[in-house]
Amino acid sequence: MPDALLDQVARLWRCGARLWRFGAWLATLAVACAPPPPDVAPVVAVPGRRVGVVARPPEPPLVDPSPEVAPPIRWRDDLDLALEQARGLVLLHFHSTWSAGSIALTRRLDAHEGLRRALRGATAIAVDFTELDEEREARAARFGVDRVPTLLLLGPDRRERWRGEGEGQDLDALVEAIAAAQR
């Protein structure tokens, strides 16, 4: 064989080896990045018998601890209009964006499952006192609010049924007051 031909074969051999290593690396990468295989029951072949599928025990159904999840509180921000349109109980939440207590109480209100259930059919109104002006001061005087956060529960007759001030309010007591007012 001529030397030029041997050199050509040697170059191709080296190139093929490099391609083979690159191909092996690429295959490894493809396997590592591939999505996991679907959860399929294993197939078992027993000598002398037909191929069969191993039965898995049925998975228990997911049980929702509360069959009916209460919807989130829908806060209205139009005090006068909401009071006119409200037919039953009204929860007033006097708050401000600069008050850490207001922010904490708002989160607790939205997270309290019992309160969300109790407020179905009631009107929830958020009254923002971030910036004070004459109109907001008149609203505060109308409801006797001198600090934020303050919660007021008004009955259908618009008389006060429950009041809570500060961030550490007992929300379970509020739920009880709502239940008592609805009786």
N, C-alpha and C. Protein backbone atom coordinates (compact mmCIF):
# COMPACT_ATOMS: atom_id res chain seq x y z
N MET A 1 0.83 -1.17 0.00
CA MET A 1 0.00 0.00 0.00
C MET A 1 0.89 1.25 0.00
N PRO A 2 0.54 2.24 -0.81
CA PRO A 2 1.36 3.46 -0.83
C PRO A 2 1.21 4.22 0.50
N ASP A 3 2.26 4.97 0.81
CA ASP A 3 2.28 5.71 2.08
C ASP A 3 1.16 6.76 2.14
N ALA A 4 0.85 7.40 1.04
CA ALA A 4 -0.21 8.42 1.04
C ALA A 4 -1.55 7.80 1.42
N LEU A 5 -1.79 6.59 0.92
CA LEU A 5 -3.04 5.91 1.24
C LEU A 5 -3.08 5.50 2.71
N LEU A 6 -1.97 5.05 3.24
CA LEU A 6 -1.90 4.70 4.66
C LEU A 6 -2.14 5.92 5.55
N ASP A 7 -1.56 7.06 5.16
CA ASP A 7 -1.79 8.29 5.91
C ASP A 7 -3.27 8.68 5.90
N GLN A 8 -3.90 8.52 4.75
CA GLN A 8 -5.33 8.82 4.63
C GLN A 8 -6.14 7.92 5.55
N VAL A 9 -5.86 6.63 5.57
CA VAL A 9 -6.58 5.67 6.41
C VAL A 9 -6.37 6.01 7.89
N ALA A 10 -5.13 6.36 8.25
CA ALA A 10 -4.82 6.70 9.64
C ALA A 10 -5.59 7.95 10.07
N ARG A 11 -5.63 8.95 9.19
CA ARG A 11 -6.39 10.17 9.51
C ARG A 11 -7.88 9.87 9.68
N LEU A 12 -8.41 9.07 8.78
CA LEU A 12 -9.83 8.71 8.89
C LEU A 12 -10.09 7.92 10.18
N TRP A 13 -9.15 7.05 10.53
CA TRP A 13 -9.31 6.26 11.74
C TRP A 13 -9.34 7.17 12.98
N ARG A 14 -8.41 8.12 13.04
CA ARG A 14 -8.38 9.06 14.17
C ARG A 14 -9.65 9.91 14.20
N CYS A 15 -10.05 10.35 13.03
CA CYS A 15 -11.28 11.17 12.95
C CYS A 15 -12.48 10.34 13.39
N GLY A 16 -12.54 9.10 12.97
CA GLY A 16 -13.64 8.22 13.37
C GLY A 16 -13.65 7.99 14.86
N ALA A 17 -12.47 7.82 15.46
CA ALA A 17 -12.39 7.62 16.91
C ALA A 17 -12.89 8.86 17.64
N ARG A 18 -12.49 10.04 17.13
CA ARG A 18 -12.97 11.28 17.75
C ARG A 18 -14.48 11.41 17.61
N LEU A 19 -14.98 11.08 16.43
CA LEU A 19 -16.43 11.14 16.23
C LEU A 19 -17.15 10.14 17.12
N TRP A 20 -16.53 8.98 17.29
CA TRP A 20 -17.16 7.98 18.15
C TRP A 20 -17.23 8.48 19.59
N ARG A 21 -16.13 9.09 20.08
CA ARG A 21 -16.14 9.65 21.45
C ARG A 21 -17.17 10.77 21.56
N PHE A 22 -17.23 11.63 20.53
CA PHE A 22 -18.22 12.70 20.54
C PHE A 22 -19.63 12.14 20.53
N GLY A 23 -19.85 11.09 19.74
CA GLY A 23 -21.17 10.45 19.68
C GLY A 23 -21.54 9.83 21.01
N ALA A 24 -20.58 9.21 21.69
CA ALA A 24 -20.86 8.62 23.00
C ALA A 24 -21.21 9.72 24.01
N TRP A 25 -20.46 10.83 23.95
CA TRP A 25 -20.75 11.95 24.85
C TRP A 25 -22.12 12.53 24.57
N LEU A 26 -22.45 12.66 23.29
CA LEU A 26 -23.75 13.21 22.90
C LEU A 26 -24.89 12.28 23.36
N ALA A 27 -24.70 10.98 23.24
CA ALA A 27 -25.72 10.03 23.68
C ALA A 27 -25.89 10.11 25.20
N THR A 28 -24.80 10.25 25.93
CA THR A 28 -24.88 10.39 27.39
C THR A 28 -25.65 11.65 27.76
N LEU A 29 -25.37 12.73 27.06
CA LEU A 29 -26.07 13.98 27.30
C LEU A 29 -27.56 13.84 27.00
N ALA A 30 -27.88 13.17 25.92
CA ALA A 30 -29.28 12.99 25.53
C ALA A 30 -30.03 12.17 26.58
N VAL A 31 -29.38 11.15 27.12
CA VAL A 31 -30.02 10.33 28.15
C VAL A 31 -30.21 11.14 29.42
N ALA A 32 -29.20 11.94 29.79
CA ALA A 32 -29.28 12.73 31.01
C ALA A 32 -30.36 13.80 30.92
N CYS A 33 -30.59 14.35 29.74
CA CYS A 33 -31.56 15.43 29.58
C CYS A 33 -32.94 14.95 29.18
N ALA A 34 -33.08 13.68 28.93
CA ALA A 34 -34.37 13.16 28.48
C ALA A 34 -35.38 13.18 29.62
N PRO A 35 -36.65 13.37 29.30
CA PRO A 35 -37.66 13.32 30.36
C PRO A 35 -37.75 11.91 30.92
N PRO A 36 -38.19 11.79 32.17
CA PRO A 36 -38.28 10.45 32.74
C PRO A 36 -39.31 9.62 31.98
N PRO A 37 -39.10 8.32 31.95
CA PRO A 37 -40.06 7.48 31.23
C PRO A 37 -41.40 7.47 31.96
N PRO A 38 -42.48 7.24 31.23
CA PRO A 38 -43.78 7.21 31.89
C PRO A 38 -43.84 6.05 32.88
N ASP A 39 -44.67 6.23 33.90
CA ASP A 39 -44.79 5.20 34.93
C ASP A 39 -45.64 4.06 34.36
N VAL A 40 -44.96 3.02 33.92
CA VAL A 40 -45.62 1.88 33.29
C VAL A 40 -45.39 0.66 34.16
N ALA A 41 -46.39 -0.17 34.27
CA ALA A 41 -46.24 -1.40 35.04
C ALA A 41 -45.21 -2.29 34.37
N PRO A 42 -44.33 -2.94 35.15
CA PRO A 42 -43.31 -3.78 34.53
C PRO A 42 -43.91 -5.03 33.89
N VAL A 43 -43.27 -5.45 32.80
CA VAL A 43 -43.69 -6.64 32.08
C VAL A 43 -42.80 -7.80 32.54
N VAL A 44 -43.42 -8.91 32.85
CA VAL A 44 -42.68 -10.07 33.34
C VAL A 44 -42.89 -11.23 32.39
N ALA A 45 -41.80 -11.90 32.04
CA ALA A 45 -41.90 -13.10 31.20
C ALA A 45 -41.52 -14.29 32.07
N VAL A 46 -42.45 -15.20 32.25
CA VAL A 46 -42.20 -16.42 33.01
C VAL A 46 -42.04 -17.55 32.00
N PRO A 47 -40.94 -18.34 32.11
CA PRO A 47 -40.72 -19.42 31.14
C PRO A 47 -41.90 -20.39 31.13
N GLY A 48 -42.37 -20.71 29.94
CA GLY A 48 -43.47 -21.65 29.78
C GLY A 48 -44.84 -21.00 29.90
N ARG A 49 -44.89 -19.74 30.17
CA ARG A 49 -46.18 -19.05 30.29
C ARG A 49 -46.18 -17.83 29.38
N ARG A 50 -47.35 -17.24 29.30
CA ARG A 50 -47.45 -16.03 28.46
C ARG A 50 -46.84 -14.84 29.19
N VAL A 51 -46.48 -13.86 28.40
CA VAL A 51 -45.95 -12.62 28.97
C VAL A 51 -47.10 -11.89 29.65
N GLY A 52 -46.85 -11.39 30.84
CA GLY A 52 -47.92 -10.69 31.56
C GLY A 52 -47.42 -9.41 32.20
N VAL A 53 -48.35 -8.61 32.63
CA VAL A 53 -48.04 -7.35 33.29
C VAL A 53 -48.26 -7.53 34.78
N VAL A 54 -47.29 -7.09 35.55
CA VAL A 54 -47.42 -7.17 37.00
C VAL A 54 -48.43 -6.11 37.43
N ALA A 55 -49.42 -6.52 38.15
CA ALA A 55 -50.45 -5.59 38.60
C ALA A 55 -49.93 -4.77 39.77
N ARG A 56 -50.14 -3.49 39.70
CA ARG A 56 -49.78 -2.62 40.80
C ARG A 56 -51.02 -2.40 41.65
N PRO A 57 -50.82 -2.24 42.94
CA PRO A 57 -51.98 -1.92 43.76
C PRO A 57 -52.50 -0.53 43.38
N PRO A 58 -53.79 -0.35 43.38
CA PRO A 58 -54.30 0.97 43.00
C PRO A 58 -53.85 2.03 44.00
N GLU A 59 -53.53 3.19 43.46
CA GLU A 59 -53.11 4.28 44.33
C GLU A 59 -54.33 4.86 45.01
N PRO A 60 -54.20 5.22 46.29
CA PRO A 60 -55.35 5.80 46.97
C PRO A 60 -55.71 7.15 46.34
N PRO A 61 -56.98 7.47 46.26
CA PRO A 61 -57.36 8.75 45.66
C PRO A 61 -56.89 9.89 46.55
N LEU A 62 -56.60 11.00 45.91
CA LEU A 62 -56.23 12.19 46.67
C LEU A 62 -57.46 12.71 47.40
N VAL A 63 -57.34 12.85 48.68
CA VAL A 63 -58.46 13.28 49.49
C VAL A 63 -58.27 14.74 49.85
N ASP A 64 -59.21 15.54 49.49
CA ASP A 64 -59.19 16.95 49.85
C ASP A 64 -59.76 17.07 51.25
N PRO A 65 -58.98 17.59 52.20
CA PRO A 65 -59.48 17.66 53.57
C PRO A 65 -60.74 18.52 53.72
N SER A 66 -60.85 19.55 52.89
CA SER A 66 -62.06 20.36 52.93
C SER A 66 -62.73 20.24 51.57
N PRO A 67 -63.88 19.58 51.50
CA PRO A 67 -64.49 19.36 50.19
C PRO A 67 -64.84 20.65 49.46
N GLU A 68 -65.03 21.70 50.21
CA GLU A 68 -65.41 22.96 49.57
C GLU A 68 -64.50 24.05 50.09
N VAL A 69 -63.64 24.57 49.24
CA VAL A 69 -62.71 25.62 49.64
C VAL A 69 -63.42 26.96 49.48
N ALA A 70 -63.30 27.75 50.52
CA ALA A 70 -63.97 29.06 50.49
C ALA A 70 -63.26 29.99 49.51
N PRO A 71 -64.02 30.78 48.79
CA PRO A 71 -63.39 31.72 47.85
C PRO A 71 -62.68 32.83 48.62
N PRO A 72 -61.74 33.51 47.97
CA PRO A 72 -61.05 34.61 48.65
C PRO A 72 -62.02 35.76 48.93
N ILE A 73 -61.65 36.55 49.92
CA ILE A 73 -62.48 37.72 50.26
C ILE A 73 -62.37 38.73 49.12
N ARG A 74 -63.50 39.20 48.65
CA ARG A 74 -63.53 40.20 47.58
C ARG A 74 -63.74 41.56 48.23
N TRP A 75 -62.66 42.29 48.38
CA TRP A 75 -62.72 43.59 49.04
C TRP A 75 -63.19 44.65 48.06
N ARG A 76 -64.18 45.41 48.48
CA ARG A 76 -64.61 46.56 47.68
C ARG A 76 -63.96 47.80 48.27
N ASP A 77 -63.76 48.83 47.46
CA ASP A 77 -63.12 50.04 47.96
C ASP A 77 -64.00 51.28 47.85
N ASP A 78 -65.22 51.10 47.40
CA ASP A 78 -66.15 52.23 47.27
C ASP A 78 -67.13 52.20 48.45
N LEU A 79 -66.77 52.86 49.53
CA LEU A 79 -67.49 52.75 50.80
C LEU A 79 -68.97 53.11 50.67
N ASP A 80 -69.28 54.29 50.19
CA ASP A 80 -70.67 54.74 50.17
C ASP A 80 -71.54 53.88 49.26
N LEU A 81 -71.07 53.60 48.06
CA LEU A 81 -71.83 52.78 47.12
C LEU A 81 -72.00 51.35 47.65
N ALA A 82 -70.95 50.80 48.21
CA ALA A 82 -71.02 49.43 48.74
C ALA A 82 -71.99 49.35 49.92
N LEU A 83 -72.01 50.37 50.76
CA LEU A 83 -72.96 50.38 51.88
C LEU A 83 -74.40 50.47 51.38
N GLU A 84 -74.63 51.24 50.32
CA GLU A 84 -75.98 51.33 49.75
C GLU A 84 -76.42 50.00 49.16
N GLN A 85 -75.51 49.31 48.49
CA GLN A 85 -75.87 48.08 47.79
C GLN A 85 -75.88 46.85 48.69
N ALA A 86 -75.24 46.93 49.84
CA ALA A 86 -75.14 45.76 50.72
C ALA A 86 -76.52 45.38 51.26
N ARG A 87 -76.81 44.09 51.25
CA ARG A 87 -78.10 43.60 51.73
C ARG A 87 -78.01 42.98 53.12
N GLY A 88 -76.85 42.49 53.48
CA GLY A 88 -76.72 41.82 54.77
C GLY A 88 -75.63 42.44 55.60
N LEU A 89 -74.78 41.58 56.16
CA LEU A 89 -73.68 42.04 57.00
C LEU A 89 -72.63 42.76 56.17
N VAL A 90 -71.93 43.69 56.84
CA VAL A 90 -70.86 44.44 56.20
C VAL A 90 -69.63 44.40 57.11
N LEU A 91 -68.49 44.02 56.55
CA LEU A 91 -67.23 44.07 57.28
C LEU A 91 -66.42 45.22 56.71
N LEU A 92 -66.10 46.18 57.58
CA LEU A 92 -65.28 47.33 57.18
C LEU A 92 -63.86 47.11 57.70
N HIS A 93 -62.91 47.27 56.82
CA HIS A 93 -61.49 47.10 57.17
C HIS A 93 -60.79 48.43 56.90
N PHE A 94 -60.54 49.19 57.96
CA PHE A 94 -59.84 50.47 57.86
C PHE A 94 -58.34 50.17 57.94
N HIS A 95 -57.59 50.51 56.90
CA HIS A 95 -56.18 50.15 56.82
C HIS A 95 -55.38 51.24 56.13
N SER A 96 -54.06 51.06 56.10
CA SER A 96 -53.18 51.95 55.33
C SER A 96 -51.99 51.13 54.83
N THR A 97 -51.39 51.59 53.76
CA THR A 97 -50.27 50.85 53.18
C THR A 97 -48.97 51.10 53.93
N TRP A 98 -48.89 52.14 54.73
CA TRP A 98 -47.67 52.43 55.48
C TRP A 98 -47.65 51.73 56.84
N SER A 99 -48.74 51.13 57.24
CA SER A 99 -48.83 50.50 58.56
C SER A 99 -48.51 49.01 58.47
N ALA A 100 -47.47 48.58 59.17
CA ALA A 100 -47.10 47.16 59.18
C ALA A 100 -48.23 46.33 59.79
N GLY A 101 -48.91 46.89 60.79
CA GLY A 101 -50.04 46.18 61.39
C GLY A 101 -51.17 45.95 60.40
N SER A 102 -51.42 46.95 59.56
CA SER A 102 -52.47 46.80 58.54
C SER A 102 -52.10 45.73 57.53
N ILE A 103 -50.86 45.71 57.13
CA ILE A 103 -50.42 44.73 56.15
C ILE A 103 -50.52 43.32 56.74
N ALA A 104 -50.07 43.17 57.99
CA ALA A 104 -50.13 41.85 58.63
C ALA A 104 -51.58 41.40 58.82
N LEU A 105 -52.45 42.30 59.23
CA LEU A 105 -53.84 41.93 59.44
C LEU A 105 -54.52 41.57 58.12
N THR A 106 -54.22 42.29 57.07
CA THR A 106 -54.81 41.98 55.77
C THR A 106 -54.41 40.58 55.33
N ARG A 107 -53.15 40.22 55.53
CA ARG A 107 -52.71 38.86 55.17
C ARG A 107 -53.43 37.82 56.03
N ARG A 108 -53.59 38.09 57.32
CA ARG A 108 -54.29 37.15 58.19
C ARG A 108 -55.75 37.01 57.79
N LEU A 109 -56.38 38.10 57.42
CA LEU A 109 -57.79 38.05 56.99
C LEU A 109 -57.94 37.20 55.74
N ASP A 110 -57.06 37.42 54.77
CA ASP A 110 -57.17 36.68 53.51
C ASP A 110 -56.84 35.20 53.68
N ALA A 111 -56.04 34.85 54.68
CA ALA A 111 -55.63 33.46 54.88
C ALA A 111 -56.58 32.69 55.79
N HIS A 112 -57.46 33.35 56.51
CA HIS A 112 -58.32 32.69 57.50
C HIS A 112 -59.50 32.01 56.80
N GLU A 113 -59.44 30.69 56.71
CA GLU A 113 -60.46 29.91 55.99
C GLU A 113 -61.84 30.09 56.60
N GLY A 114 -61.92 30.05 57.92
CA GLY A 114 -63.22 30.18 58.60
C GLY A 114 -63.86 31.54 58.34
N LEU A 115 -63.05 32.57 58.31
CA LEU A 115 -63.57 33.91 58.03
C LEU A 115 -64.06 34.01 56.59
N ARG A 116 -63.29 33.44 55.67
CA ARG A 116 -63.74 33.49 54.27
C ARG A 116 -65.07 32.77 54.09
N ARG A 117 -65.26 31.66 54.80
CA ARG A 117 -66.55 30.95 54.71
C ARG A 117 -67.66 31.77 55.35
N ALA A 118 -67.37 32.38 56.49
CA ALA A 118 -68.40 33.15 57.20
C ALA A 118 -68.82 34.38 56.40
N LEU A 119 -67.91 34.93 55.61
CA LEU A 119 -68.22 36.16 54.87
C LEU A 119 -68.96 35.92 53.55
N ARG A 120 -69.28 34.67 53.24
CA ARG A 120 -70.08 34.44 52.03
C ARG A 120 -71.43 35.13 52.21
N GLY A 121 -71.80 35.90 51.23
CA GLY A 121 -73.06 36.62 51.30
C GLY A 121 -72.96 37.96 52.01
N ALA A 122 -71.82 38.24 52.62
CA ALA A 122 -71.61 39.53 53.28
C ALA A 122 -70.81 40.43 52.33
N THR A 123 -70.78 41.69 52.66
CA THR A 123 -70.02 42.66 51.88
C THR A 123 -68.78 43.06 52.66
N ALA A 124 -67.63 42.95 52.03
CA ALA A 124 -66.36 43.33 52.66
C ALA A 124 -65.85 44.59 51.98
N ILE A 125 -65.58 45.61 52.79
CA ILE A 125 -65.16 46.90 52.25
C ILE A 125 -63.83 47.28 52.89
N ALA A 126 -62.85 47.59 52.07
CA ALA A 126 -61.54 48.06 52.53
C ALA A 126 -61.51 49.57 52.40
N VAL A 127 -61.28 50.25 53.51
CA VAL A 127 -61.24 51.71 53.52
C VAL A 127 -59.78 52.11 53.72
N ASP A 128 -59.19 52.73 52.71
CA ASP A 128 -57.76 53.05 52.71
C ASP A 128 -57.52 54.41 53.36
N PHE A 129 -56.66 54.41 54.38
CA PHE A 129 -56.28 55.64 55.07
C PHE A 129 -54.80 55.95 54.87
N THR A 130 -54.26 55.58 53.70
CA THR A 130 -52.85 55.85 53.43
C THR A 130 -52.60 57.35 53.41
N GLU A 131 -53.46 58.09 52.76
CA GLU A 131 -53.34 59.55 52.73
C GLU A 131 -54.60 60.14 53.37
N LEU A 132 -54.40 60.97 54.36
CA LEU A 132 -55.54 61.56 55.04
C LEU A 132 -55.95 62.86 54.36
N ASP A 133 -57.22 63.00 54.16
CA ASP A 133 -57.79 64.25 53.67
C ASP A 133 -59.10 64.47 54.44
N GLU A 134 -59.81 65.51 54.12
CA GLU A 134 -61.04 65.83 54.87
C GLU A 134 -62.10 64.74 54.72
N GLU A 135 -62.23 64.19 53.54
CA GLU A 135 -63.23 63.15 53.31
C GLU A 135 -62.93 61.90 54.15
N ARG A 136 -61.67 61.49 54.18
CA ARG A 136 -61.31 60.31 54.96
C ARG A 136 -61.44 60.58 56.46
N GLU A 137 -61.09 61.76 56.90
CA GLU A 137 -61.26 62.11 58.31
C GLU A 137 -62.74 62.10 58.70
N ALA A 138 -63.60 62.53 57.79
CA ALA A 138 -65.04 62.49 58.06
C ALA A 138 -65.53 61.04 58.15
N ARG A 139 -65.01 60.18 57.29
CA ARG A 139 -65.37 58.76 57.38
C ARG A 139 -64.91 58.15 58.70
N ALA A 140 -63.70 58.49 59.10
CA ALA A 140 -63.18 57.97 60.38
C ALA A 140 -64.05 58.44 61.53
N ALA A 141 -64.44 59.71 61.52
CA ALA A 141 -65.30 60.23 62.59
C ALA A 141 -66.68 59.57 62.54
N ARG A 142 -67.20 59.32 61.35
CA ARG A 142 -68.52 58.69 61.18
C ARG A 142 -68.58 57.32 61.85
N PHE A 143 -67.47 56.55 61.74
CA PHE A 143 -67.45 55.20 62.30
C PHE A 143 -66.66 55.12 63.60
N GLY A 144 -66.17 56.25 64.11
CA GLY A 144 -65.44 56.25 65.37
C GLY A 144 -64.09 55.55 65.28
N VAL A 145 -63.43 55.68 64.15
CA VAL A 145 -62.13 55.03 63.95
C VAL A 145 -61.03 56.05 64.23
N ASP A 146 -60.13 55.70 65.15
CA ASP A 146 -59.03 56.61 65.45
C ASP A 146 -57.66 55.99 65.22
N ARG A 147 -57.62 54.75 64.74
CA ARG A 147 -56.35 54.10 64.43
C ARG A 147 -56.55 53.03 63.37
N VAL A 148 -55.45 52.69 62.71
CA VAL A 148 -55.47 51.59 61.75
C VAL A 148 -54.52 50.51 62.26
N PRO A 149 -54.82 49.28 62.02
CA PRO A 149 -56.02 48.74 61.38
C PRO A 149 -57.17 48.63 62.37
N THR A 150 -58.36 48.81 61.85
CA THR A 150 -59.59 48.63 62.62
C THR A 150 -60.58 47.85 61.77
N LEU A 151 -61.23 46.88 62.39
CA LEU A 151 -62.28 46.11 61.73
C LEU A 151 -63.60 46.42 62.40
N LEU A 152 -64.63 46.64 61.59
CA LEU A 152 -65.99 46.85 62.10
C LEU A 152 -66.93 45.89 61.40
N LEU A 153 -67.76 45.23 62.17
CA LEU A 153 -68.81 44.39 61.60
C LEU A 153 -70.13 45.10 61.82
N LEU A 154 -70.81 45.42 60.72
CA LEU A 154 -72.10 46.09 60.78
C LEU A 154 -73.19 45.10 60.40
N GLY A 155 -74.30 45.17 61.13
CA GLY A 155 -75.43 44.31 60.83
C GLY A 155 -76.22 44.85 59.65
N PRO A 156 -77.28 44.15 59.25
CA PRO A 156 -78.11 44.63 58.14
C PRO A 156 -78.73 45.99 58.44
N ASP A 157 -78.91 46.30 59.73
CA ASP A 157 -79.46 47.61 60.12
C ASP A 157 -78.38 48.68 60.22
N ARG A 158 -77.14 48.33 59.88
CA ARG A 158 -75.96 49.20 59.88
C ARG A 158 -75.53 49.64 61.28
N ARG A 159 -75.94 48.87 62.29
CA ARG A 159 -75.45 49.10 63.65
C ARG A 159 -74.22 48.23 63.86
N GLU A 160 -73.31 48.72 64.67
CA GLU A 160 -72.07 48.00 64.93
C GLU A 160 -72.34 46.74 65.75
N ARG A 161 -71.83 45.60 65.27
CA ARG A 161 -72.01 44.32 65.97
C ARG A 161 -70.70 43.84 66.59
N TRP A 162 -69.56 44.28 66.04
CA TRP A 162 -68.27 43.84 66.55
C TRP A 162 -67.22 44.85 66.10
N ARG A 163 -66.21 45.07 66.96
CA ARG A 163 -65.12 45.99 66.63
C ARG A 163 -63.81 45.38 67.10
N GLY A 164 -62.80 45.53 66.27
CA GLY A 164 -61.45 45.08 66.63
C GLY A 164 -60.44 46.10 66.15
N GLU A 165 -59.46 46.39 67.03
CA GLU A 165 -58.44 47.38 66.68
C GLU A 165 -57.06 46.78 66.85
N GLY A 166 -56.15 47.16 65.98
CA GLY A 166 -54.78 46.66 66.05
C GLY A 166 -54.61 45.40 65.23
N GLU A 167 -53.35 44.98 65.07
CA GLU A 167 -53.08 43.83 64.22
C GLU A 167 -53.33 42.51 64.91
N GLY A 168 -53.33 42.46 66.24
CA GLY A 168 -53.48 41.19 66.95
C GLY A 168 -54.92 40.85 67.27
N GLN A 169 -55.82 41.12 66.37
CA GLN A 169 -57.24 40.87 66.62
C GLN A 169 -57.55 39.38 66.57
N ASP A 170 -58.51 38.98 67.39
CA ASP A 170 -58.94 37.58 67.43
C ASP A 170 -59.93 37.35 66.29
N LEU A 171 -59.46 36.75 65.21
CA LEU A 171 -60.31 36.56 64.04
C LEU A 171 -61.36 35.48 64.29
N ASP A 172 -61.08 34.54 65.20
CA ASP A 172 -62.09 33.54 65.54
C ASP A 172 -63.27 34.20 66.24
N ALA A 173 -63.02 35.22 67.06
CA ALA A 173 -64.10 35.97 67.69
C ALA A 173 -64.93 36.70 66.64
N LEU A 174 -64.26 37.20 65.60
CA LEU A 174 -64.99 37.84 64.50
C LEU A 174 -65.89 36.84 63.79
N VAL A 175 -65.38 35.63 63.55
CA VAL A 175 -66.20 34.59 62.90
C VAL A 175 -67.42 34.27 63.76
N GLU A 176 -67.22 34.17 65.09
CA GLU A 176 -68.35 33.93 65.99
C GLU A 176 -69.35 35.06 65.96
N ALA A 177 -68.86 36.31 65.90
CA ALA A 177 -69.77 37.45 65.82
C ALA A 177 -70.56 37.44 64.52
N ILE A 178 -69.93 37.03 63.42
CA ILE A 178 -70.64 36.94 62.15
C ILE A 178 -71.72 35.87 62.24
N ALA A 179 -71.39 34.73 62.82
CA ALA A 179 -72.38 33.65 62.96
C ALA A 179 -73.53 34.09 63.84
N ALA A 180 -73.24 34.81 64.92
CA ALA A 180 -74.31 35.28 65.82
C ALA A 180 -75.19 36.32 65.12
N ALA A 181 -74.59 37.18 64.30
CA ALA A 181 -75.37 38.22 63.61
C ALA A 181 -76.23 37.63 62.51
N GLN A 182 -75.84 36.47 61.98
CA GLN A 182 -76.61 35.87 60.90
C GLN A 182 -77.79 35.04 61.41
N ARG A 183 -77.84 34.78 62.71
CA ARG A 183 -78.95 34.00 63.26
C ARG A 183 -80.20 34.80 63.37
